[in-house]
Protein backbone atom coordinates (compact mmCIF):
# COMPACT_ATOMS: atom_id res chain seq x y z
CA UNK A 1 -12.14 76.58 -33.85
CA UNK A 2 -11.92 72.74 -34.08
CA UNK A 3 -8.61 73.14 -34.92
CA UNK A 4 -7.74 74.91 -31.57
CA UNK A 5 -10.22 72.52 -29.84
CA UNK A 6 -11.62 69.43 -30.99
CA UNK A 7 -13.69 69.03 -27.93
CA UNK A 8 -15.92 72.02 -28.75
CA UNK A 9 -19.58 70.53 -29.23
CA UNK A 10 -20.99 73.90 -30.68
CA UNK A 11 -17.96 74.03 -33.24
CA UNK A 12 -18.91 70.39 -34.58
CA UNK A 13 -22.74 70.76 -34.58
CA UNK A 14 -22.29 73.97 -36.62
CA UNK A 15 -19.84 72.44 -39.01
CA UNK A 16 -21.85 69.68 -39.53
CA UNK A 17 -24.60 71.94 -40.68
CA UNK A 18 -22.57 73.77 -42.59
CA UNK A 19 -21.44 70.49 -44.53
CA UNK A 20 -25.11 69.42 -44.65
CA UNK A 21 -25.97 72.59 -46.48
CA UNK A 22 -23.03 71.94 -48.75
CA UNK A 23 -24.46 68.45 -49.51
CA UNK A 24 -21.05 66.74 -48.03
CA UNK A 25 -23.12 64.62 -46.07
CA UNK A 26 -20.45 61.82 -45.03
CA UNK A 27 -18.29 64.42 -43.52
CA UNK A 28 -21.58 66.43 -41.71
CA UNK A 29 -22.28 62.88 -40.15
CA UNK A 30 -19.06 62.48 -38.91
CA UNK A 31 -19.18 65.58 -37.31
CA UNK A 32 -22.46 65.23 -35.88
CA UNK A 33 -21.29 61.90 -34.57
CA UNK A 34 -18.24 63.28 -32.75
CA UNK A 35 -20.92 65.91 -31.47
CA UNK A 36 -23.15 63.05 -29.55
CA UNK A 37 -19.65 61.62 -27.90
CA UNK A 38 -19.16 65.11 -26.85
CA UNK A 39 -22.71 65.81 -25.48
CA UNK A 40 -24.60 62.64 -25.67
CA UNK A 41 -27.79 64.56 -24.47
CA UNK A 42 -27.63 66.91 -27.41
CA UNK A 43 -30.96 66.28 -29.22
CA UNK A 44 -29.83 68.18 -32.23
CA UNK A 45 -27.25 66.19 -32.89
CA UNK A 46 -28.73 63.12 -32.85
CA UNK A 47 -31.58 64.41 -34.95
CA UNK A 48 -29.31 65.35 -37.55
CA UNK A 49 -27.47 61.83 -37.57
CA UNK A 50 -30.89 60.57 -38.21
CA UNK A 51 -31.67 62.39 -41.04
CA UNK A 52 -28.47 61.76 -42.47
CA UNK A 53 -28.93 58.03 -41.79
CA UNK A 54 -32.35 58.44 -43.69
CA UNK A 55 -30.82 60.08 -46.38
CA UNK A 56 -28.40 57.20 -46.94
CA UNK A 57 -30.99 54.55 -46.89
CA UNK A 58 -29.94 53.41 -43.30
CA UNK A 59 -33.14 53.04 -41.80
CA UNK A 60 -32.22 50.73 -38.67
CA UNK A 61 -29.60 53.95 -37.96
CA UNK A 62 -32.01 56.48 -38.46
CA UNK A 63 -34.41 54.99 -36.48
CA UNK A 64 -31.78 54.47 -33.43
CA UNK A 65 -30.58 57.92 -33.89
CA UNK A 66 -34.28 59.38 -33.91
CA UNK A 67 -35.02 57.37 -30.73
CA UNK A 68 -31.63 58.88 -28.91
CA UNK A 69 -33.07 62.65 -29.97
CA UNK A 70 -36.16 61.89 -28.57
CA UNK A 71 -34.72 60.32 -25.27
CA UNK A 72 -32.62 63.36 -24.77
CA UNK A 73 -35.09 66.10 -25.72
CA UNK A 74 -37.77 64.41 -23.21
CA UNK A 75 -35.02 64.38 -20.48
CA UNK A 76 -34.45 67.78 -21.13
CA UNK A 77 -38.45 68.71 -21.34
CA UNK A 78 -37.45 70.48 -24.74
CA UNK A 79 -40.17 71.87 -26.73
CA UNK A 80 -38.85 70.27 -29.80
CA UNK A 81 -39.84 66.39 -28.43
CA UNK A 82 -43.12 66.53 -30.17
CA UNK A 83 -41.57 67.38 -33.43
CA UNK A 84 -38.87 64.58 -33.21
CA UNK A 85 -41.66 61.85 -31.94
CA UNK A 86 -43.17 62.77 -35.24
CA UNK A 87 -39.98 62.29 -37.21
CA UNK A 88 -39.32 59.19 -35.18
CA UNK A 89 -42.80 57.61 -36.22
CA UNK A 90 -42.14 58.82 -39.93
CA UNK A 91 -39.00 56.67 -39.99
CA UNK A 92 -40.75 54.01 -38.35
CA UNK A 93 -43.03 53.86 -40.86
CA UNK A 94 -40.85 53.71 -43.67
CA UNK A 95 -38.50 51.63 -42.33
CA UNK A 96 -40.78 49.22 -40.55
CA UNK A 97 -39.15 49.55 -37.20
């Protein structure tokens, strides 16, 4: 799907999830970052970026991505916003942000 249309958000998000399951985190992060450019309000993609940055020990980037996830979810009044706020708080405790 990506080869036919590199602008497909769902394809980028889903491919990133597959790559994450395969523990191919650098490639997964690349897909999630493309997804955030295609749909800046997609809290799922921002949340996945935060998790990978955290796994790589990039606290500042994890916090920044988690903040974007919370903002995007709050703007859409998504029920996931509470969980995303908890994750953000966890990153802040862990990384001192």
